[in-house]
Amino acid sequence: MPFVKVATLADVPENSVLEVSVGEDLYAICNVDGTITALGGVCLHQGGPLGQGNITDGRLVCPWHGWEFDCRTGANSYDASECVTTYPVKLEGSDILLQVS
């Protein structure tokens, strides 16, 4: 699967999230204490835009109803059996690349 440039490190300051789209799919690019991860961009609860949420204690908080997901694993904080898909990322210099399917 190809890696696609979706942002630069400057676009995602520490402890923030950025919504990006590749084709018609949305992704949430998270920066937790300098570690970049990527999750699917749609909340499992009611389809909220995860990339428009915020980061709290290493969790991505959905802006619609406050559902929380671990930025590393995608696991829901209330029910770990419910997970948002995670995606591989890599850095090339200051570019953030996302592996899409």
C-alpha atoms as a PDB file:
ATOM      1  CA  MET A   1       0.000   0.000   0.000  1.00  0.00           C
ATOM      2  CA  PRO A   2       1.314   3.455  -0.856  1.00  0.00           C
ATOM      3  CA  PHE A   3       2.271   6.176   1.588  1.00  0.00           C
ATOM      4  CA  VAL A   4       0.821   9.606   0.795  1.00  0.00           C
ATOM      5  CA  LYS A   5       2.006  12.958   2.132  1.00  0.00           C
ATOM      6  CA  VAL A   6      -0.857  14.423   4.172  1.00  0.00           C
ATOM      7  CA  ALA A   7       0.779  17.151   6.278  1.00  0.00           C
ATOM      8  CA  THR A   8       3.980  18.504   7.762  1.00  0.00           C
ATOM      9  CA  LEU A   9       5.038  18.482  11.394  1.00  0.00           C
ATOM     10  CA  ALA A  10       4.336  22.229  11.538  1.00  0.00           C
ATOM     11  CA  ASP A  11       0.679  21.486  10.716  1.00  0.00           C
ATOM     12  CA  VAL A  12       0.237  19.336  13.842  1.00  0.00           C
ATOM     13  CA  PRO A  13       1.765  20.934  16.961  1.00  0.00           C
ATOM     14  CA  GLU A  14       2.335  18.714  19.994  1.00  0.00           C
ATOM     15  CA  ASN A  15      -0.846  17.455  21.658  1.00  0.00           C
ATOM     16  CA  SER A  16      -3.102  18.413  18.768  1.00  0.00           C
ATOM     17  CA  VAL A  17      -4.978  16.682  15.963  1.00  0.00           C
ATOM     18  CA  LEU A  18      -5.413  17.527  12.291  1.00  0.00           C
ATOM     19  CA  GLU A  19      -8.199  16.355   9.992  1.00  0.00           C
ATOM     20  CA  VAL A  20      -6.987  15.290   6.548  1.00  0.00           C
ATOM     21  CA  SER A  21      -8.681  13.668   3.606  1.00  0.00           C
ATOM     22  CA  VAL A  22      -7.303  11.282   1.022  1.00  0.00           C
ATOM     23  CA  GLY A  23      -9.819  10.746  -1.721  1.00  0.00           C
ATOM     24  CA  GLU A  24     -13.167  10.565   0.043  1.00  0.00           C
ATOM     25  CA  ASP A  25     -11.772   9.159   3.304  1.00  0.00           C
ATOM     26  CA  LEU A  26     -11.132  11.240   6.432  1.00  0.00           C
ATOM     27  CA  TYR A  27      -8.266  10.639   8.840  1.00  0.00           C
ATOM     28  CA  ALA A  28      -7.218  12.123  12.163  1.00  0.00           C
ATOM     29  CA  ILE A  29      -3.475  12.794  12.403  1.00  0.00           C
ATOM     30  CA  CYS A  30      -2.508  12.965  16.081  1.00  0.00           C
ATOM     31  CA  ASN A  31       0.606  14.383  17.699  1.00  0.00           C
ATOM     32  CA  VAL A  32       0.910  13.141  21.283  1.00  0.00           C
ATOM     33  CA  ASP A  33       4.040  14.496  22.941  1.00  0.00           C
ATOM     34  CA  GLY A  34       5.872  14.421  19.603  1.00  0.00           C
ATOM     35  CA  THR A  35       4.664  10.988  18.464  1.00  0.00           C
ATOM     36  CA  ILE A  36       2.623  11.043  15.255  1.00  0.00           C
ATOM     37  CA  THR A  37      -0.195   8.517  14.809  1.00  0.00           C
ATOM     38  CA  ALA A  38      -3.210   8.233  12.515  1.00  0.00           C
ATOM     39  CA  LEU A  39      -6.763   7.079  13.137  1.00  0.00           C
ATOM     40  CA  GLY A  40      -9.838   6.817  10.986  1.00  0.00           C
ATOM     41  CA  GLY A  41     -11.496  10.220  10.979  1.00  0.00           C
ATOM     42  CA  VAL A  42     -15.074   9.218  11.801  1.00  0.00           C
ATOM     43  CA  CYS A  43     -16.321   8.538  15.339  1.00  0.00           C
ATOM     44  CA  LEU A  44     -17.964   5.174  15.958  1.00  0.00           C
ATOM     45  CA  HIS A  45     -20.728   6.759  18.022  1.00  0.00           C
ATOM     46  CA  GLN A  46     -22.586   9.009  15.580  1.00  0.00           C
ATOM     47  CA  GLY A  47     -20.085   9.774  12.852  1.00  0.00           C
ATOM     48  CA  GLY A  48     -18.491  12.849  14.426  1.00  0.00           C
ATOM     49  CA  PRO A  49     -15.359  14.329  12.812  1.00  0.00           C
ATOM     50  CA  LEU A  50     -12.520  13.004  14.987  1.00  0.00           C
ATOM     51  CA  GLY A  51      -9.946  15.181  13.233  1.00  0.00           C
ATOM     52  CA  GLN A  52     -11.767  18.238  14.578  1.00  0.00           C
ATOM     53  CA  GLY A  53     -11.537  17.030  18.173  1.00  0.00           C
ATOM     54  CA  ASN A  54      -8.763  17.537  20.695  1.00  0.00           C
ATOM     55  CA  ILE A  55      -6.079  15.546  22.480  1.00  0.00           C
ATOM     56  CA  THR A  56      -6.378  14.931  26.216  1.00  0.00           C
ATOM     57  CA  ASP A  57      -3.955  12.646  28.079  1.00  0.00           C
ATOM     58  CA  GLY A  58      -3.035  10.747  24.905  1.00  0.00           C
ATOM     59  CA  ARG A  59      -6.651  10.284  23.850  1.00  0.00           C
ATOM     60  CA  LEU A  60      -8.488  11.792  20.909  1.00  0.00           C
ATOM     61  CA  VAL A  61     -11.779  13.303  22.081  1.00  0.00           C
ATOM     62  CA  CYS A  62     -14.630  13.525  19.567  1.00  0.00           C
ATOM     63  CA  PRO A  63     -16.009  17.070  19.365  1.00  0.00           C
ATOM     64  CA  TRP A  64     -19.632  15.928  19.096  1.00  0.00           C
ATOM     65  CA  HIS A  65     -20.251  13.770  22.176  1.00  0.00           C
ATOM     66  CA  GLY A  66     -16.908  13.375  23.923  1.00  0.00           C
ATOM     67  CA  TRP A  67     -16.154   9.774  23.009  1.00  0.00           C
ATOM     68  CA  GLU A  68     -12.434   9.132  23.584  1.00  0.00           C
ATOM     69  CA  PHE A  69     -10.035   6.957  21.621  1.00  0.00           C
ATOM     70  CA  ASP A  70      -6.424   6.000  22.401  1.00  0.00           C
ATOM     71  CA  CYS A  71      -4.258   7.701  19.775  1.00  0.00           C
ATOM     72  CA  ARG A  72      -1.927   4.678  19.558  1.00  0.00           C
ATOM     73  CA  THR A  73      -4.421   1.808  19.448  1.00  0.00           C
ATOM     74  CA  GLY A  74      -7.720   3.402  18.439  1.00  0.00           C
ATOM     75  CA  ALA A  75      -9.425   1.743  21.437  1.00  0.00           C
ATOM     76  CA  ASN A  76     -12.448   3.480  22.911  1.00  0.00           C
ATOM     77  CA  SER A  77     -11.841   4.594  26.506  1.00  0.00           C
ATOM     78  CA  TYR A  78     -15.233   3.321  27.660  1.00  0.00           C
ATOM     79  CA  ASP A  79     -15.249  -0.002  25.791  1.00  0.00           C
ATOM     80  CA  ALA A  80     -11.861  -1.220  24.532  1.00  0.00           C
ATOM     81  CA  SER A  81     -13.571  -3.713  22.218  1.00  0.00           C
ATOM     82  CA  GLU A  82     -14.745  -0.762  20.106  1.00  0.00           C
ATOM     83  CA  CYS A  83     -11.819   0.603  18.107  1.00  0.00           C
ATOM     84  CA  VAL A  84     -11.303   3.187  15.412  1.00  0.00           C
ATOM     85  CA  THR A  85      -8.988   1.889  12.694  1.00  0.00           C
ATOM     86  CA  THR A  86      -5.344   2.915  13.010  1.00  0.00           C
ATOM     87  CA  TYR A  87      -3.092   3.567  10.020  1.00  0.00           C
ATOM     88  CA  PRO A  88       0.679   3.418   9.599  1.00  0.00           C
ATOM     89  CA  VAL A  89       2.493   6.735   9.361  1.00  0.00           C
ATOM     90  CA  LYS A  90       6.091   7.619   8.710  1.00  0.00           C
ATOM     91  CA  LEU A  91       8.113  10.798   8.675  1.00  0.00           C
ATOM     92  CA  GLU A  92      10.353  11.908   5.834  1.00  0.00           C
ATOM     93  CA  GLY A  93      12.077  15.007   7.078  1.00  0.00           C
ATOM     94  CA  SER A  94       9.201  17.185   8.252  1.00  0.00           C
ATOM     95  CA  ASP A  95       6.636  15.496   5.973  1.00  0.00           C
ATOM     96  CA  ILE A  96       3.995  13.217   7.484  1.00  0.00           C
ATOM     97  CA  LEU A  97       3.109  10.294   5.241  1.00  0.00           C
ATOM     98  CA  LEU A  98       0.033   8.124   5.756  1.00  0.00           C
ATOM     99  CA  GLN A  99      -0.338   4.599   4.418  1.00  0.00           C
ATOM    100  CA  VAL A 100      -3.740   4.354   2.795  1.00  0.00           C
ATOM    101  CA  SER A 101      -5.527   1.291   1.516  1.00  0.00           C
END
